[in-house]
Amino acid sequence: MKNWALNISLFVLGRPEGFEVTVKEIRISAGAGFIVALLGDVMTMPGLPKKPAALNIDIDADGNVVGLF
């Protein structure tokens, strides 16, 4: 199967045309500044939290690592 790039320019030769796209879900990525349109059964990776988990990791007075879980 050949991948086709969607393009809004009318001057691109060989662009796909005459088809409909069904959007199943819209997700807003506000931090990144864009929206994501999911067109089928797509698995996406979760985004990163505002506060990284590494900030909770420390070593106590006995030399034990704390805050991993």
C-alpha atoms as a PDB file:
ATOM      1  CA  MET A   1       0.000   0.000   0.000  1.00  0.00           C
ATOM      2  CA  LYS A   2       1.367   3.386  -0.945  1.00  0.00           C
ATOM      3  CA  ASN A   3       1.246   6.251   1.551  1.00  0.00           C
ATOM      4  CA  TRP A   4      -0.345   9.435   0.290  1.00  0.00           C
ATOM      5  CA  ALA A   5       0.395  12.789   1.844  1.00  0.00           C
ATOM      6  CA  LEU A   6      -2.557  15.123   2.219  1.00  0.00           C
ATOM      7  CA  ASN A   7      -1.878  18.614   0.962  1.00  0.00           C
ATOM      8  CA  ILE A   8      -4.050  21.730   0.798  1.00  0.00           C
ATOM      9  CA  SER A   9      -2.204  23.167  -2.200  1.00  0.00           C
ATOM     10  CA  LEU A  10      -4.126  22.853  -5.460  1.00  0.00           C
ATOM     11  CA  PHE A  11      -0.861  23.031  -7.408  1.00  0.00           C
ATOM     12  CA  VAL A  12       0.737  19.808  -6.120  1.00  0.00           C
ATOM     13  CA  LEU A  13       0.800  17.198  -8.866  1.00  0.00           C
ATOM     14  CA  GLY A  14      -0.444  13.709  -7.971  1.00  0.00           C
ATOM     15  CA  ARG A  15      -2.165  14.770  -4.775  1.00  0.00           C
ATOM     16  CA  PRO A  16      -5.008  12.494  -3.665  1.00  0.00           C
ATOM     17  CA  GLU A  17      -8.508  13.783  -4.363  1.00  0.00           C
ATOM     18  CA  GLY A  18     -12.104  12.626  -4.431  1.00  0.00           C
ATOM     19  CA  PHE A  19     -12.212  10.859  -1.073  1.00  0.00           C
ATOM     20  CA  GLU A  20     -13.668  11.421   2.377  1.00  0.00           C
ATOM     21  CA  VAL A  21     -11.875  11.173   5.707  1.00  0.00           C
ATOM     22  CA  THR A  22     -13.768  10.067   8.815  1.00  0.00           C
ATOM     23  CA  VAL A  23     -12.341  11.588  11.986  1.00  0.00           C
ATOM     24  CA  LYS A  24     -13.065   9.393  15.007  1.00  0.00           C
ATOM     25  CA  GLU A  25     -11.527  11.584  17.711  1.00  0.00           C
ATOM     26  CA  ILE A  26      -9.924  15.011  18.148  1.00  0.00           C
ATOM     27  CA  ARG A  27      -7.273  15.577  20.820  1.00  0.00           C
ATOM     28  CA  ILE A  28      -5.936  18.965  21.808  1.00  0.00           C
ATOM     29  CA  SER A  29      -2.211  19.191  22.540  1.00  0.00           C
ATOM     30  CA  ALA A  30      -2.346  22.638  24.085  1.00  0.00           C
ATOM     31  CA  GLY A  31       1.257  22.635  25.290  1.00  0.00           C
ATOM     32  CA  ALA A  32       2.538  21.761  21.828  1.00  0.00           C
ATOM     33  CA  GLY A  33       0.102  24.185  20.167  1.00  0.00           C
ATOM     34  CA  PHE A  34      -1.715  21.826  17.810  1.00  0.00           C
ATOM     35  CA  ILE A  35      -4.658  19.460  17.496  1.00  0.00           C
ATOM     36  CA  VAL A  36      -4.488  15.785  16.562  1.00  0.00           C
ATOM     37  CA  ALA A  37      -7.180  14.148  14.433  1.00  0.00           C
ATOM     38  CA  LEU A  38      -7.375  10.368  14.939  1.00  0.00           C
ATOM     39  CA  LEU A  39      -8.751   8.634  11.855  1.00  0.00           C
ATOM     40  CA  GLY A  40      -8.950   5.001  12.939  1.00  0.00           C
ATOM     41  CA  ASP A  41      -7.842   2.573  15.603  1.00  0.00           C
ATOM     42  CA  VAL A  42      -4.651   4.335  16.620  1.00  0.00           C
ATOM     43  CA  MET A  43      -2.647   3.757  19.780  1.00  0.00           C
ATOM     44  CA  THR A  44      -0.960   6.940  20.953  1.00  0.00           C
ATOM     45  CA  MET A  45       1.743   7.398  23.549  1.00  0.00           C
ATOM     46  CA  PRO A  46       0.889   9.405  26.658  1.00  0.00           C
ATOM     47  CA  GLY A  47       2.328  12.847  27.061  1.00  0.00           C
ATOM     48  CA  LEU A  48       4.771  13.823  29.749  1.00  0.00           C
ATOM     49  CA  PRO A  49       3.545  15.239  33.065  1.00  0.00           C
ATOM     50  CA  LYS A  50       4.200  18.849  34.039  1.00  0.00           C
ATOM     51  CA  LYS A  51       6.359  17.691  36.944  1.00  0.00           C
ATOM     52  CA  PRO A  52       8.896  14.956  36.017  1.00  0.00           C
ATOM     53  CA  ALA A  53       8.936  11.911  38.313  1.00  0.00           C
ATOM     54  CA  ALA A  54      12.697  12.357  38.732  1.00  0.00           C
ATOM     55  CA  LEU A  55      12.010  15.353  40.976  1.00  0.00           C
ATOM     56  CA  ASN A  56      10.550  12.964  43.591  1.00  0.00           C
ATOM     57  CA  ILE A  57      13.649  10.712  43.727  1.00  0.00           C
ATOM     58  CA  ASP A  58      16.091  11.286  46.563  1.00  0.00           C
ATOM     59  CA  ILE A  59      18.502   9.495  48.887  1.00  0.00           C
ATOM     60  CA  ASP A  60      17.644   9.434  52.578  1.00  0.00           C
ATOM     61  CA  ALA A  61      20.098   9.738  55.498  1.00  0.00           C
ATOM     62  CA  ASP A  62      20.729   5.959  55.476  1.00  0.00           C
ATOM     63  CA  GLY A  63      21.700   5.928  51.782  1.00  0.00           C
ATOM     64  CA  ASN A  64      18.429   4.408  50.553  1.00  0.00           C
ATOM     65  CA  VAL A  65      16.824   5.592  47.334  1.00  0.00           C
ATOM     66  CA  VAL A  66      13.321   6.931  48.025  1.00  0.00           C
ATOM     67  CA  GLY A  67      10.549   8.250  45.794  1.00  0.00           C
ATOM     68  CA  LEU A  68      10.800   5.750  42.951  1.00  0.00           C
ATOM     69  CA  PHE A  69       7.254   4.436  43.334  1.00  0.00           C
END
